[in-house]
Amino acid sequence: IMAEFGENLKRVREEKGISRYRLAQLTGIHRSSIKRYEEGYIKKISFEHLLKICEALDIDIKELI
């Protein structure tokens, strides 16, 4: 599930033209954590981080999971 999440996160972020650095600024999540989410190295994501990412990308949670 996290690999699919990471792929979806990267796809949506790139489609919206938002860099990892900018997403980190918008969410308060460290850029390296965003990279690890996208690459599937982090196996769990907190609900708080999930909400922050969805809010920053202006998407519904269903688009990522």
C-alpha atoms as a PDB file:
ATOM      1  CA  ILE A   1       0.000   0.000   0.000  1.00  0.00           C
ATOM      2  CA  MET A   2       2.797   2.451   0.826  1.00  0.00           C
ATOM      3  CA  ALA A   3       4.511   1.829  -2.518  1.00  0.00           C
ATOM      4  CA  GLU A   4       1.265   2.712  -4.283  1.00  0.00           C
ATOM      5  CA  PHE A   5       0.877   5.732  -1.992  1.00  0.00           C
ATOM      6  CA  GLY A   6       4.390   6.893  -2.857  1.00  0.00           C
ATOM      7  CA  GLU A   7       3.801   6.513  -6.582  1.00  0.00           C
ATOM      8  CA  ASN A   8       0.519   8.411  -6.327  1.00  0.00           C
ATOM      9  CA  LEU A   9       2.103  11.156  -4.227  1.00  0.00           C
ATOM     10  CA  LYS A  10       4.910  11.668  -6.730  1.00  0.00           C
ATOM     11  CA  ARG A  11       2.540  11.621  -9.709  1.00  0.00           C
ATOM     12  CA  VAL A  12       0.107  14.144  -8.220  1.00  0.00           C
ATOM     13  CA  ARG A  13       2.896  16.403  -6.938  1.00  0.00           C
ATOM     14  CA  GLU A  14       4.557  16.478 -10.363  1.00  0.00           C
ATOM     15  CA  GLU A  15       1.238  16.969 -12.185  1.00  0.00           C
ATOM     16  CA  LYS A  16       0.635  20.038 -10.032  1.00  0.00           C
ATOM     17  CA  GLY A  17       4.164  21.313 -10.685  1.00  0.00           C
ATOM     18  CA  ILE A  18       5.131  21.306  -7.017  1.00  0.00           C
ATOM     19  CA  SER A  19       8.685  20.423  -6.039  1.00  0.00           C
ATOM     20  CA  ARG A  20       9.497  18.332  -3.002  1.00  0.00           C
ATOM     21  CA  TYR A  21      11.050  21.443  -1.488  1.00  0.00           C
ATOM     22  CA  ARG A  22       7.842  23.437  -1.993  1.00  0.00           C
ATOM     23  CA  LEU A  23       5.674  20.615  -0.639  1.00  0.00           C
ATOM     24  CA  ALA A  24       7.927  20.507   2.420  1.00  0.00           C
ATOM     25  CA  GLN A  25       7.402  24.249   2.898  1.00  0.00           C
ATOM     26  CA  LEU A  26       3.635  23.931   2.517  1.00  0.00           C
ATOM     27  CA  THR A  27       3.282  20.977   4.892  1.00  0.00           C
ATOM     28  CA  GLY A  28       6.054  21.399   7.432  1.00  0.00           C
ATOM     29  CA  ILE A  29       7.165  17.840   6.584  1.00  0.00           C
ATOM     30  CA  HIS A  30      10.895  17.526   5.953  1.00  0.00           C
ATOM     31  CA  ARG A  31      11.822  17.214   2.280  1.00  0.00           C
ATOM     32  CA  SER A  32      13.745  13.992   2.907  1.00  0.00           C
ATOM     33  CA  SER A  33      10.616  12.460   4.457  1.00  0.00           C
ATOM     34  CA  ILE A  34       8.608  13.360   1.366  1.00  0.00           C
ATOM     35  CA  LYS A  35      11.289  11.720  -0.791  1.00  0.00           C
ATOM     36  CA  ARG A  36      11.195   8.593   1.372  1.00  0.00           C
ATOM     37  CA  TYR A  37       7.379   8.481   1.166  1.00  0.00           C
ATOM     38  CA  GLU A  38       7.574   8.711  -2.626  1.00  0.00           C
ATOM     39  CA  GLU A  39      10.258   6.042  -2.879  1.00  0.00           C
ATOM     40  CA  GLY A  40       8.469   3.687  -0.504  1.00  0.00           C
ATOM     41  CA  TYR A  41      11.138   3.670   2.209  1.00  0.00           C
ATOM     42  CA  ILE A  42       8.724   4.819   4.900  1.00  0.00           C
ATOM     43  CA  LYS A  43       6.188   2.073   5.534  1.00  0.00           C
ATOM     44  CA  LYS A  44       3.696   4.137   7.568  1.00  0.00           C
ATOM     45  CA  ILE A  45       2.397   7.670   7.317  1.00  0.00           C
ATOM     46  CA  SER A  46       0.686   9.490  10.135  1.00  0.00           C
ATOM     47  CA  PHE A  47      -2.833  10.679   9.530  1.00  0.00           C
ATOM     48  CA  GLU A  48      -1.619  14.202  10.323  1.00  0.00           C
ATOM     49  CA  HIS A  49       0.997  14.052   7.550  1.00  0.00           C
ATOM     50  CA  LEU A  50      -1.528  12.572   5.153  1.00  0.00           C
ATOM     51  CA  LEU A  51      -3.948  15.420   5.811  1.00  0.00           C
ATOM     52  CA  LYS A  52      -1.229  18.065   5.446  1.00  0.00           C
ATOM     53  CA  ILE A  53      -0.128  16.618   2.101  1.00  0.00           C
ATOM     54  CA  CYS A  54      -3.697  16.417   0.785  1.00  0.00           C
ATOM     55  CA  GLU A  55      -4.404  19.968   1.884  1.00  0.00           C
ATOM     56  CA  ALA A  56      -1.207  21.292   0.290  1.00  0.00           C
ATOM     57  CA  LEU A  57      -1.915  19.467  -2.984  1.00  0.00           C
ATOM     58  CA  ASP A  58      -5.629  20.335  -2.825  1.00  0.00           C
ATOM     59  CA  ILE A  59      -6.718  16.726  -3.300  1.00  0.00           C
ATOM     60  CA  ASP A  60      -8.892  14.129  -1.619  1.00  0.00           C
ATOM     61  CA  ILE A  61      -7.191  11.409   0.426  1.00  0.00           C
ATOM     62  CA  LYS A  62      -8.623   8.814  -2.004  1.00  0.00           C
ATOM     63  CA  GLU A  63      -6.286  10.116  -4.725  1.00  0.00           C
ATOM     64  CA  LEU A  64      -3.251   9.007  -2.704  1.00  0.00           C
ATOM     65  CA  ILE A  65      -4.332   5.716  -1.174  1.00  0.00           C
END
